[in-house]
């Protein structure tokens, strides 16, 4: 009974393997074919392994270890970045404003400062046509609400808190 794998290529004239070592050339071609056959089919992994040799087992372990180190480094960096941006040295929020007269606006700002931080905050007053009519840069004295008066060139209709910055925190918050 012939072996399920054939030594013939399509269109070739060779005989099918019998699986009998007597008919096989020296070197055990029938055994070699039998190793490559799985349910009558030759797998591509076996063909690649036969042609190029099996990959060294340490390569896979080294790749997995290097990937693990990279993933841990990325997760550590992500945690550090999240922590830094979640806990700013200074944080501010506009509570409200009152137009005192044609040339003054009073703004109430809530500020959270970490101990020993010198911060600078910026307020802007806008007119009805959205032009800037006044600006005030101030240094908060501590945590809590503070009321600041902005001098304006004409009547202001809105006030914007640009934010507060501190050393090491260039983005206003």
N, C-alpha and C. Protein backbone atom coordinates (compact mmCIF):
# COMPACT_ATOMS: atom_id res chain seq x y z
N UNK A 1 0.85 -1.18 0.00
CA UNK A 1 0.00 0.00 0.00
C UNK A 1 0.89 1.24 0.00
N UNK A 2 0.64 2.19 -0.88
CA UNK A 2 1.50 3.37 -0.96
C UNK A 2 1.32 4.27 0.27
N UNK A 3 2.38 4.96 0.61
CA UNK A 3 2.38 5.93 1.71
C UNK A 3 1.55 7.14 1.28
N UNK A 4 0.86 7.83 2.20
CA UNK A 4 -0.01 8.93 1.80
C UNK A 4 0.73 10.12 1.19
N UNK A 5 2.01 10.26 1.42
CA UNK A 5 2.75 11.38 0.85
C UNK A 5 3.47 10.90 -0.40
N UNK A 6 3.56 11.75 -1.35
CA UNK A 6 4.19 11.39 -2.61
C UNK A 6 5.47 12.17 -2.78
N UNK A 7 6.44 11.56 -3.45
CA UNK A 7 7.68 12.26 -3.75
C UNK A 7 7.56 13.02 -5.05
N UNK A 8 6.48 12.78 -5.78
CA UNK A 8 6.31 13.43 -7.08
C UNK A 8 5.81 14.85 -6.92
N UNK A 9 6.29 15.70 -7.77
CA UNK A 9 5.71 17.03 -7.88
C UNK A 9 4.62 16.94 -8.92
N UNK A 10 3.74 17.87 -8.93
CA UNK A 10 2.67 17.84 -9.92
C UNK A 10 3.27 17.88 -11.32
N UNK A 11 2.80 16.98 -12.13
CA UNK A 11 3.29 16.92 -13.50
C UNK A 11 4.59 16.15 -13.63
N UNK A 12 5.17 15.71 -12.52
CA UNK A 12 6.43 14.97 -12.57
C UNK A 12 6.19 13.51 -12.92
N UNK A 13 7.27 12.76 -13.19
CA UNK A 13 7.13 11.37 -13.59
C UNK A 13 7.66 10.40 -12.56
N UNK A 14 8.00 10.89 -11.38
CA UNK A 14 8.54 10.00 -10.37
C UNK A 14 7.47 9.08 -9.80
N UNK A 15 7.91 7.99 -9.14
CA UNK A 15 6.97 7.05 -8.55
C UNK A 15 6.57 7.52 -7.16
N UNK A 16 5.39 7.14 -6.73
CA UNK A 16 4.94 7.45 -5.38
C UNK A 16 5.75 6.63 -4.40
N UNK A 17 5.93 7.17 -3.21
CA UNK A 17 6.68 6.48 -2.17
C UNK A 17 5.86 5.30 -1.67
N UNK A 18 6.53 4.21 -1.42
CA UNK A 18 5.83 3.03 -0.92
C UNK A 18 5.89 2.96 0.59
N UNK A 19 6.71 3.78 1.19
CA UNK A 19 6.88 3.71 2.63
C UNK A 19 7.74 2.54 3.02
N UNK A 20 8.27 1.83 2.04
CA UNK A 20 9.09 0.65 2.28
C UNK A 20 10.55 1.06 2.17
N UNK A 21 11.33 0.86 3.25
CA UNK A 21 12.73 1.27 3.20
C UNK A 21 13.53 0.51 2.15
N UNK A 22 13.04 -0.66 1.67
CA UNK A 22 13.80 -1.40 0.66
C UNK A 22 13.85 -0.62 -0.64
N UNK A 23 12.75 0.07 -0.97
CA UNK A 23 12.71 0.81 -2.22
C UNK A 23 13.29 2.21 -2.08
N UNK A 24 13.64 2.58 -0.88
CA UNK A 24 14.13 3.94 -0.65
C UNK A 24 15.62 3.99 -0.85
N UNK A 25 16.13 5.09 -1.34
CA UNK A 25 17.58 5.22 -1.46
C UNK A 25 18.22 5.26 -0.08
N UNK A 26 19.53 5.01 -0.06
CA UNK A 26 20.21 5.03 1.23
C UNK A 26 20.11 6.41 1.84
N UNK A 27 19.93 6.47 3.12
CA UNK A 27 19.75 7.75 3.82
C UNK A 27 18.35 7.87 4.37
N UNK A 28 17.48 6.95 4.03
CA UNK A 28 16.16 6.90 4.63
C UNK A 28 15.21 7.97 4.15
N UNK A 29 15.01 8.08 2.85
CA UNK A 29 14.10 9.09 2.31
C UNK A 29 12.67 8.83 2.77
N UNK A 30 12.30 7.54 2.91
CA UNK A 30 10.94 7.25 3.33
C UNK A 30 10.70 7.74 4.75
N UNK A 31 11.70 7.58 5.61
CA UNK A 31 11.57 8.07 6.97
C UNK A 31 11.47 9.59 6.98
N UNK A 32 12.27 10.24 6.14
CA UNK A 32 12.25 11.70 6.05
C UNK A 32 10.88 12.18 5.61
N UNK A 33 10.28 11.50 4.60
CA UNK A 33 8.95 11.88 4.14
C UNK A 33 7.91 11.64 5.22
N UNK A 34 8.04 10.56 5.94
CA UNK A 34 7.05 10.24 6.96
C UNK A 34 7.03 11.28 8.07
N UNK A 35 8.20 11.83 8.42
CA UNK A 35 8.24 12.87 9.46
C UNK A 35 7.50 14.12 9.01
N UNK A 36 7.55 14.42 7.73
CA UNK A 36 6.95 15.64 7.21
C UNK A 36 5.46 15.52 6.99
N UNK A 37 4.92 14.33 6.94
CA UNK A 37 3.53 14.12 6.58
C UNK A 37 2.65 14.12 7.83
N UNK A 38 1.56 14.85 7.74
CA UNK A 38 0.55 14.85 8.81
C UNK A 38 -0.79 14.64 8.14
N UNK A 39 -1.37 13.47 8.33
CA UNK A 39 -2.65 13.11 7.73
C UNK A 39 -2.61 13.30 6.22
N UNK A 40 -1.51 12.91 5.62
CA UNK A 40 -1.42 12.98 4.17
C UNK A 40 -1.02 14.35 3.64
N UNK A 41 -0.70 15.30 4.50
CA UNK A 41 -0.35 16.65 4.05
C UNK A 41 1.01 17.05 4.61
N UNK A 42 1.71 17.83 3.88
CA UNK A 42 3.00 18.37 4.34
C UNK A 42 2.73 19.77 4.88
N UNK A 43 3.14 20.02 6.12
CA UNK A 43 2.89 21.34 6.71
C UNK A 43 3.96 22.33 6.30
N UNK A 44 3.59 23.58 6.24
CA UNK A 44 4.54 24.62 5.85
C UNK A 44 5.62 24.80 6.92
N UNK A 45 5.27 24.58 8.18
CA UNK A 45 6.27 24.69 9.24
C UNK A 45 7.36 23.64 9.06
N UNK A 46 6.95 22.44 8.70
CA UNK A 46 7.94 21.38 8.47
C UNK A 46 8.82 21.70 7.27
N UNK A 47 8.21 22.23 6.22
CA UNK A 47 9.00 22.58 5.04
C UNK A 47 10.02 23.67 5.38
N UNK A 48 9.60 24.67 6.12
CA UNK A 48 10.51 25.75 6.50
C UNK A 48 11.62 25.23 7.40
N UNK A 49 11.26 24.36 8.34
CA UNK A 49 12.25 23.80 9.26
C UNK A 49 13.27 22.96 8.50
N UNK A 50 12.80 22.19 7.52
CA UNK A 50 13.69 21.37 6.72
C UNK A 50 14.62 22.23 5.86
N UNK A 51 14.08 23.30 5.32
CA UNK A 51 14.86 24.13 4.41
C UNK A 51 15.86 25.02 5.15
N UNK A 52 15.41 25.70 6.22
CA UNK A 52 16.25 26.70 6.88
C UNK A 52 16.75 26.29 8.25
N UNK A 53 16.27 25.21 8.77
CA UNK A 53 16.67 24.79 10.11
C UNK A 53 15.73 25.39 11.15
N UNK A 54 15.61 24.73 12.27
CA UNK A 54 14.72 25.20 13.33
C UNK A 54 15.34 26.41 14.02
N UNK A 55 14.51 27.39 14.43
CA UNK A 55 15.06 28.55 15.13
C UNK A 55 15.61 28.13 16.49
N UNK A 56 16.61 28.86 16.94
CA UNK A 56 17.21 28.57 18.25
C UNK A 56 16.17 28.83 19.34
N UNK A 57 16.04 27.92 20.32
CA UNK A 57 15.00 28.09 21.35
C UNK A 57 15.24 29.32 22.23
N UNK A 58 16.47 29.77 22.37
CA UNK A 58 16.74 30.92 23.23
C UNK A 58 16.22 32.21 22.61
N UNK A 59 16.06 32.24 21.28
CA UNK A 59 15.58 33.46 20.62
C UNK A 59 14.17 33.81 21.07
N UNK A 60 13.31 32.82 21.15
CA UNK A 60 11.93 33.08 21.55
C UNK A 60 11.89 33.58 22.99
N UNK A 61 12.65 32.93 23.88
CA UNK A 61 12.69 33.37 25.28
C UNK A 61 13.23 34.79 25.40
N UNK A 62 14.27 35.09 24.63
CA UNK A 62 14.85 36.44 24.67
C UNK A 62 13.86 37.48 24.15
N UNK A 63 13.12 37.14 23.10
CA UNK A 63 12.12 38.06 22.56
C UNK A 63 11.00 38.30 23.56
N UNK A 64 10.54 37.25 24.22
CA UNK A 64 9.49 37.40 25.23
C UNK A 64 9.99 38.24 26.40
N UNK A 65 11.21 38.00 26.85
CA UNK A 65 11.77 38.76 27.97
C UNK A 65 11.94 40.24 27.59
N UNK A 66 12.46 40.51 26.40
CA UNK A 66 12.63 41.90 25.95
C UNK A 66 11.28 42.59 25.81
N UNK A 67 10.29 41.88 25.29
CA UNK A 67 8.95 42.46 25.16
C UNK A 67 8.38 42.76 26.53
N UNK A 68 8.58 41.87 27.48
CA UNK A 68 8.10 42.11 28.85
C UNK A 68 8.75 43.32 29.48
N UNK A 69 10.06 43.48 29.27
CA UNK A 69 10.76 44.65 29.81
C UNK A 69 10.22 45.93 29.18
N UNK A 70 10.00 45.92 27.86
CA UNK A 70 9.45 47.10 27.19
C UNK A 70 8.05 47.43 27.69
N UNK A 71 7.22 46.43 27.87
CA UNK A 71 5.86 46.66 28.37
C UNK A 71 5.91 47.23 29.78
N UNK A 72 6.76 46.68 30.64
CA UNK A 72 6.87 47.21 32.00
C UNK A 72 7.38 48.65 32.00
N UNK A 73 8.34 48.96 31.15
CA UNK A 73 8.85 50.34 31.06
C UNK A 73 7.75 51.28 30.58
N UNK A 74 6.97 50.87 29.60
CA UNK A 74 5.88 51.71 29.10
C UNK A 74 4.82 51.93 30.17
N UNK A 75 4.44 50.88 30.87
CA UNK A 75 3.43 51.00 31.93
C UNK A 75 3.95 51.92 33.05
N UNK A 76 5.22 51.80 33.40
CA UNK A 76 5.80 52.69 34.41
C UNK A 76 5.79 54.14 33.96
N UNK A 77 6.17 54.38 32.70
CA UNK A 77 6.14 55.75 32.17
C UNK A 77 4.72 56.28 32.15
N UNK A 78 3.75 55.47 31.75
CA UNK A 78 2.35 55.89 31.70
C UNK A 78 1.83 56.24 33.09
N UNK A 79 2.17 55.43 34.09
CA UNK A 79 1.74 55.71 35.47
C UNK A 79 2.37 57.00 35.97
N UNK A 80 3.65 57.20 35.70
CA UNK A 80 4.33 58.43 36.13
C UNK A 80 3.70 59.66 35.46
N UNK A 81 3.46 59.59 34.16
CA UNK A 81 2.86 60.71 33.43
C UNK A 81 1.46 61.02 33.96
N UNK A 82 0.68 59.99 34.21
CA UNK A 82 -0.66 60.18 34.76
C UNK A 82 -0.59 60.85 36.12
N UNK A 83 0.32 60.41 36.96
CA UNK A 83 0.46 60.99 38.30
C UNK A 83 0.88 62.46 38.23
N UNK A 84 1.84 62.78 37.38
CA UNK A 84 2.32 64.16 37.27
C UNK A 84 1.21 65.09 36.81
N UNK A 85 0.43 64.66 35.83
CA UNK A 85 -0.63 65.52 35.31
C UNK A 85 -1.87 65.54 36.19
N UNK A 86 -2.04 64.55 37.03
CA UNK A 86 -3.20 64.50 37.92
C UNK A 86 -2.97 65.29 39.20
N UNK A 87 -1.73 65.57 39.53
CA UNK A 87 -1.42 66.31 40.77
C UNK A 87 -0.58 67.54 40.45
N UNK A 88 -1.20 68.60 39.90
CA UNK A 88 -0.42 69.79 39.55
C UNK A 88 0.00 70.56 40.80
N UNK A 89 1.05 71.37 40.65
CA UNK A 89 1.52 72.20 41.76
C UNK A 89 0.51 73.28 42.09
N UNK A 90 -0.20 73.78 41.09
CA UNK A 90 -1.22 74.80 41.30
C UNK A 90 -2.40 74.50 40.37
N UNK A 91 -3.60 74.72 40.89
CA UNK A 91 -4.82 74.51 40.14
C UNK A 91 -5.76 75.67 40.46
N UNK A 92 -6.43 76.20 39.44
CA UNK A 92 -7.31 77.35 39.67
C UNK A 92 -8.62 77.17 38.92
N UNK A 93 -9.65 77.84 39.43
CA UNK A 93 -10.97 77.76 38.83
C UNK A 93 -11.68 79.09 39.03
N UNK A 94 -12.34 79.56 37.97
CA UNK A 94 -13.10 80.80 38.04
C UNK A 94 -14.42 80.54 38.75
N UNK A 95 -14.67 81.29 39.81
CA UNK A 95 -15.92 81.14 40.57
C UNK A 95 -16.98 82.08 40.01
N UNK A 96 -16.59 83.32 39.74
CA UNK A 96 -17.54 84.30 39.19
C UNK A 96 -16.90 85.66 39.05
N UNK A 97 -17.69 86.63 38.53
CA UNK A 97 -17.18 88.00 38.40
C UNK A 97 -18.34 88.97 38.52
N UNK A 98 -18.02 90.21 38.89
CA UNK A 98 -19.00 91.30 38.98
C UNK A 98 -18.41 92.51 38.27
N UNK A 99 -19.23 93.17 37.45
CA UNK A 99 -18.81 94.42 36.81
C UNK A 99 -19.08 95.53 37.82
N UNK A 100 -18.02 96.17 38.33
CA UNK A 100 -18.16 97.22 39.34
C UNK A 100 -18.59 98.54 38.69
N UNK A 101 -17.92 98.92 37.66
CA UNK A 101 -18.27 100.13 36.91
C UNK A 101 -17.70 100.01 35.51
N UNK A 102 -17.67 101.12 34.79
CA UNK A 102 -17.22 101.11 33.41
C UNK A 102 -15.74 100.74 33.26
N UNK A 103 -14.95 100.95 34.31
CA UNK A 103 -13.51 100.71 34.22
C UNK A 103 -12.99 99.71 35.26
N UNK A 104 -13.84 98.86 35.81
CA UNK A 104 -13.38 97.89 36.80
C UNK A 104 -14.29 96.66 36.83
N UNK A 105 -13.65 95.51 36.98
CA UNK A 105 -14.34 94.23 37.12
C UNK A 105 -13.70 93.50 38.29
N UNK A 106 -14.54 92.85 39.10
CA UNK A 106 -14.05 92.09 40.25
C UNK A 106 -14.25 90.60 39.94
N UNK A 107 -13.18 89.82 40.01
CA UNK A 107 -13.23 88.39 39.71
C UNK A 107 -12.91 87.59 40.96
N UNK A 108 -13.67 86.51 41.18
CA UNK A 108 -13.43 85.60 42.30
C UNK A 108 -12.87 84.30 41.73
N UNK A 109 -11.70 83.91 42.26
CA UNK A 109 -10.99 82.74 41.76
C UNK A 109 -10.69 81.80 42.92
N UNK A 110 -10.93 80.50 42.73
CA UNK A 110 -10.57 79.48 43.72
C UNK A 110 -9.23 78.88 43.30
N UNK A 111 -8.27 78.87 44.23
CA UNK A 111 -6.92 78.42 43.92
C UNK A 111 -6.50 77.33 44.90
N UNK A 112 -5.88 76.28 44.36
CA UNK A 112 -5.29 75.22 45.18
C UNK A 112 -3.79 75.23 44.92
N UNK A 113 -3.01 75.50 45.96
CA UNK A 113 -1.55 75.57 45.85
C UNK A 113 -0.91 74.50 46.70
N UNK A 114 0.12 73.86 46.19
CA UNK A 114 0.90 72.97 47.04
C UNK A 114 1.82 73.82 47.90
N UNK A 115 2.25 73.27 49.02
CA UNK A 115 3.12 74.02 49.94
C UNK A 115 4.42 74.43 49.26
N UNK A 116 4.82 75.67 49.49
CA UNK A 116 6.10 76.18 49.00
C UNK A 116 6.15 76.48 47.52
N UNK A 117 5.00 76.59 46.86
CA UNK A 117 4.96 76.86 45.43
C UNK A 117 4.63 78.33 45.19
N UNK A 118 5.43 78.99 44.36
CA UNK A 118 5.15 80.36 43.94
C UNK A 118 4.49 80.30 42.58
N UNK A 119 3.23 80.72 42.51
CA UNK A 119 2.47 80.64 41.27
C UNK A 119 2.16 82.03 40.73
N UNK A 120 1.91 82.10 39.45
CA UNK A 120 1.45 83.33 38.79
C UNK A 120 0.16 82.99 38.07
N UNK A 121 -0.86 83.86 38.25
CA UNK A 121 -2.16 83.63 37.63
C UNK A 121 -2.48 84.80 36.70
N UNK A 122 -3.30 84.53 35.69
CA UNK A 122 -3.64 85.55 34.70
C UNK A 122 -5.15 85.58 34.48
N UNK A 123 -5.73 86.80 34.61
CA UNK A 123 -7.14 87.05 34.35
C UNK A 123 -7.25 87.99 33.16
N UNK A 124 -8.27 87.80 32.31
CA UNK A 124 -8.52 88.69 31.18
C UNK A 124 -9.98 89.12 31.18
N UNK A 125 -10.21 90.40 30.92
CA UNK A 125 -11.56 90.94 30.80
C UNK A 125 -11.83 91.26 29.33
N UNK A 126 -13.04 90.93 28.88
CA UNK A 126 -13.42 91.13 27.49
C UNK A 126 -14.62 92.05 27.40
N UNK A 127 -14.66 92.83 26.31
CA UNK A 127 -15.80 93.71 26.04
C UNK A 127 -16.86 92.94 25.26
N UNK A 128 -17.95 93.63 24.95
CA UNK A 128 -19.06 93.00 24.24
C UNK A 128 -18.65 92.52 22.85
N UNK A 129 -17.70 93.20 22.22
CA UNK A 129 -17.23 92.81 20.88
C UNK A 129 -16.07 91.81 20.93
N UNK A 130 -15.84 91.20 22.08
CA UNK A 130 -14.85 90.14 22.31
C UNK A 130 -13.40 90.61 22.24
N UNK A 131 -13.16 91.89 22.38
CA UNK A 131 -11.79 92.38 22.45
C UNK A 131 -11.35 92.42 23.91
N UNK A 132 -10.07 92.25 24.12
CA UNK A 132 -9.53 92.30 25.48
C UNK A 132 -9.48 93.75 25.94
N UNK A 133 -10.13 94.04 27.07
CA UNK A 133 -10.15 95.41 27.60
C UNK A 133 -9.38 95.53 28.90
N UNK A 134 -8.93 94.42 29.45
CA UNK A 134 -8.14 94.47 30.67
C UNK A 134 -7.50 93.13 30.97
N UNK A 135 -6.36 93.19 31.64
CA UNK A 135 -5.63 91.98 31.99
C UNK A 135 -4.99 92.19 33.35
N UNK A 136 -4.96 91.13 34.15
CA UNK A 136 -4.33 91.23 35.46
C UNK A 136 -3.54 89.95 35.72
N UNK A 137 -2.26 90.12 36.00
CA UNK A 137 -1.41 89.02 36.42
C UNK A 137 -1.16 89.20 37.91
N UNK A 138 -1.41 88.16 38.69
CA UNK A 138 -1.23 88.27 40.14
C UNK A 138 -0.62 86.99 40.69
N UNK A 139 -0.04 87.12 41.88
CA UNK A 139 0.55 85.99 42.59
C UNK A 139 -0.35 85.67 43.78
N UNK A 140 -0.95 84.49 43.80
CA UNK A 140 -1.82 84.14 44.92
C UNK A 140 -1.01 83.95 46.20
N UNK A 141 -1.64 84.28 47.33
CA UNK A 141 -0.94 84.17 48.62
C UNK A 141 -1.12 82.81 49.26
N UNK A 142 -2.11 82.07 48.85
CA UNK A 142 -2.33 80.76 49.44
C UNK A 142 -3.51 80.06 48.80
N UNK A 143 -3.88 78.92 49.39
CA UNK A 143 -5.00 78.14 48.89
C UNK A 143 -6.30 78.77 49.35
N UNK A 144 -7.31 78.69 48.49
CA UNK A 144 -8.63 79.22 48.83
C UNK A 144 -9.12 80.19 47.78
N UNK A 145 -10.19 80.91 48.14
CA UNK A 145 -10.77 81.89 47.22
C UNK A 145 -10.07 83.23 47.38
N UNK A 146 -9.88 83.87 46.25
CA UNK A 146 -9.30 85.21 46.25
C UNK A 146 -10.11 86.09 45.32
N UNK A 147 -10.26 87.36 45.68
CA UNK A 147 -11.00 88.33 44.88
C UNK A 147 -10.00 89.33 44.33
N UNK A 148 -9.99 89.49 43.01
CA UNK A 148 -9.06 90.41 42.34
C UNK A 148 -9.85 91.41 41.51
N UNK A 149 -9.37 92.66 41.49
CA UNK A 149 -10.01 93.71 40.71
C UNK A 149 -9.17 93.98 39.46
N UNK A 150 -9.84 93.92 38.30
CA UNK A 150 -9.18 94.16 37.02
C UNK A 150 -9.58 95.55 36.52
N UNK A 151 -8.61 96.38 36.22
CA UNK A 151 -8.87 97.70 35.63
C UNK A 151 -9.08 97.49 34.13
N UNK A 152 -10.10 98.14 33.58
CA UNK A 152 -10.42 97.98 32.16
C UNK A 152 -10.42 99.33 31.45
N UNK A 153 -10.18 99.32 30.14
CA UNK A 153 -10.19 100.55 29.36
C UNK A 153 -11.60 100.98 28.99
N UNK A 154 -12.54 100.03 28.97
CA UNK A 154 -13.96 100.31 28.80
C UNK A 154 -14.74 99.20 29.48
N UNK A 155 -16.04 99.25 29.42
CA UNK A 155 -16.85 98.31 30.18
C UNK A 155 -16.63 96.87 29.70
N UNK A 156 -16.40 95.98 30.65
CA UNK A 156 -16.20 94.55 30.36
C UNK A 156 -17.52 93.81 30.51
N UNK A 157 -17.71 92.80 29.69
CA UNK A 157 -18.91 91.97 29.78
C UNK A 157 -18.61 90.54 30.22
N UNK A 158 -17.34 90.15 30.19
CA UNK A 158 -16.97 88.81 30.65
C UNK A 158 -15.53 88.82 31.13
N UNK A 159 -15.22 87.82 31.96
CA UNK A 159 -13.87 87.65 32.49
C UNK A 159 -13.47 86.19 32.28
N UNK A 160 -12.23 86.00 31.85
CA UNK A 160 -11.69 84.65 31.64
C UNK A 160 -10.48 84.46 32.55
N UNK A 161 -10.46 83.32 33.23
CA UNK A 161 -9.26 82.93 33.97
C UNK A 161 -8.42 82.10 33.01
N UNK A 162 -7.29 82.65 32.58
CA UNK A 162 -6.40 81.91 31.68
C UNK A 162 -5.82 80.73 32.44
N UNK A 163 -5.46 80.95 33.70
CA UNK A 163 -4.96 79.89 34.55
C UNK A 163 -3.77 80.34 35.36
N UNK A 164 -3.25 79.41 36.14
CA UNK A 164 -2.09 79.68 36.99
C UNK A 164 -0.96 78.75 36.58
N UNK A 165 0.25 79.29 36.60
CA UNK A 165 1.44 78.50 36.29
C UNK A 165 2.37 78.51 37.49
N UNK A 166 3.26 77.55 37.52
CA UNK A 166 4.25 77.44 38.59
C UNK A 166 5.54 76.90 37.98
N UNK A 167 6.66 77.01 38.68
CA UNK A 167 7.89 76.42 38.16
C UNK A 167 7.70 74.91 37.93
N UNK A 168 8.05 74.46 36.75
CA UNK A 168 7.87 73.05 36.40
C UNK A 168 6.48 72.74 35.88
N UNK A 169 5.61 73.74 35.83
CA UNK A 169 4.25 73.56 35.32
C UNK A 169 3.95 74.72 34.37
N UNK A 170 4.43 74.66 33.14
CA UNK A 170 4.27 75.78 32.23
C UNK A 170 2.86 75.93 31.66
N UNK A 171 2.08 74.87 31.67
CA UNK A 171 0.72 74.95 31.13
C UNK A 171 -0.21 75.52 32.19
N UNK A 172 -0.92 76.61 31.86
CA UNK A 172 -1.83 77.21 32.87
C UNK A 172 -2.94 76.24 33.26
N UNK A 173 -3.20 76.20 34.56
CA UNK A 173 -4.30 75.37 35.08
C UNK A 173 -5.14 76.20 36.01
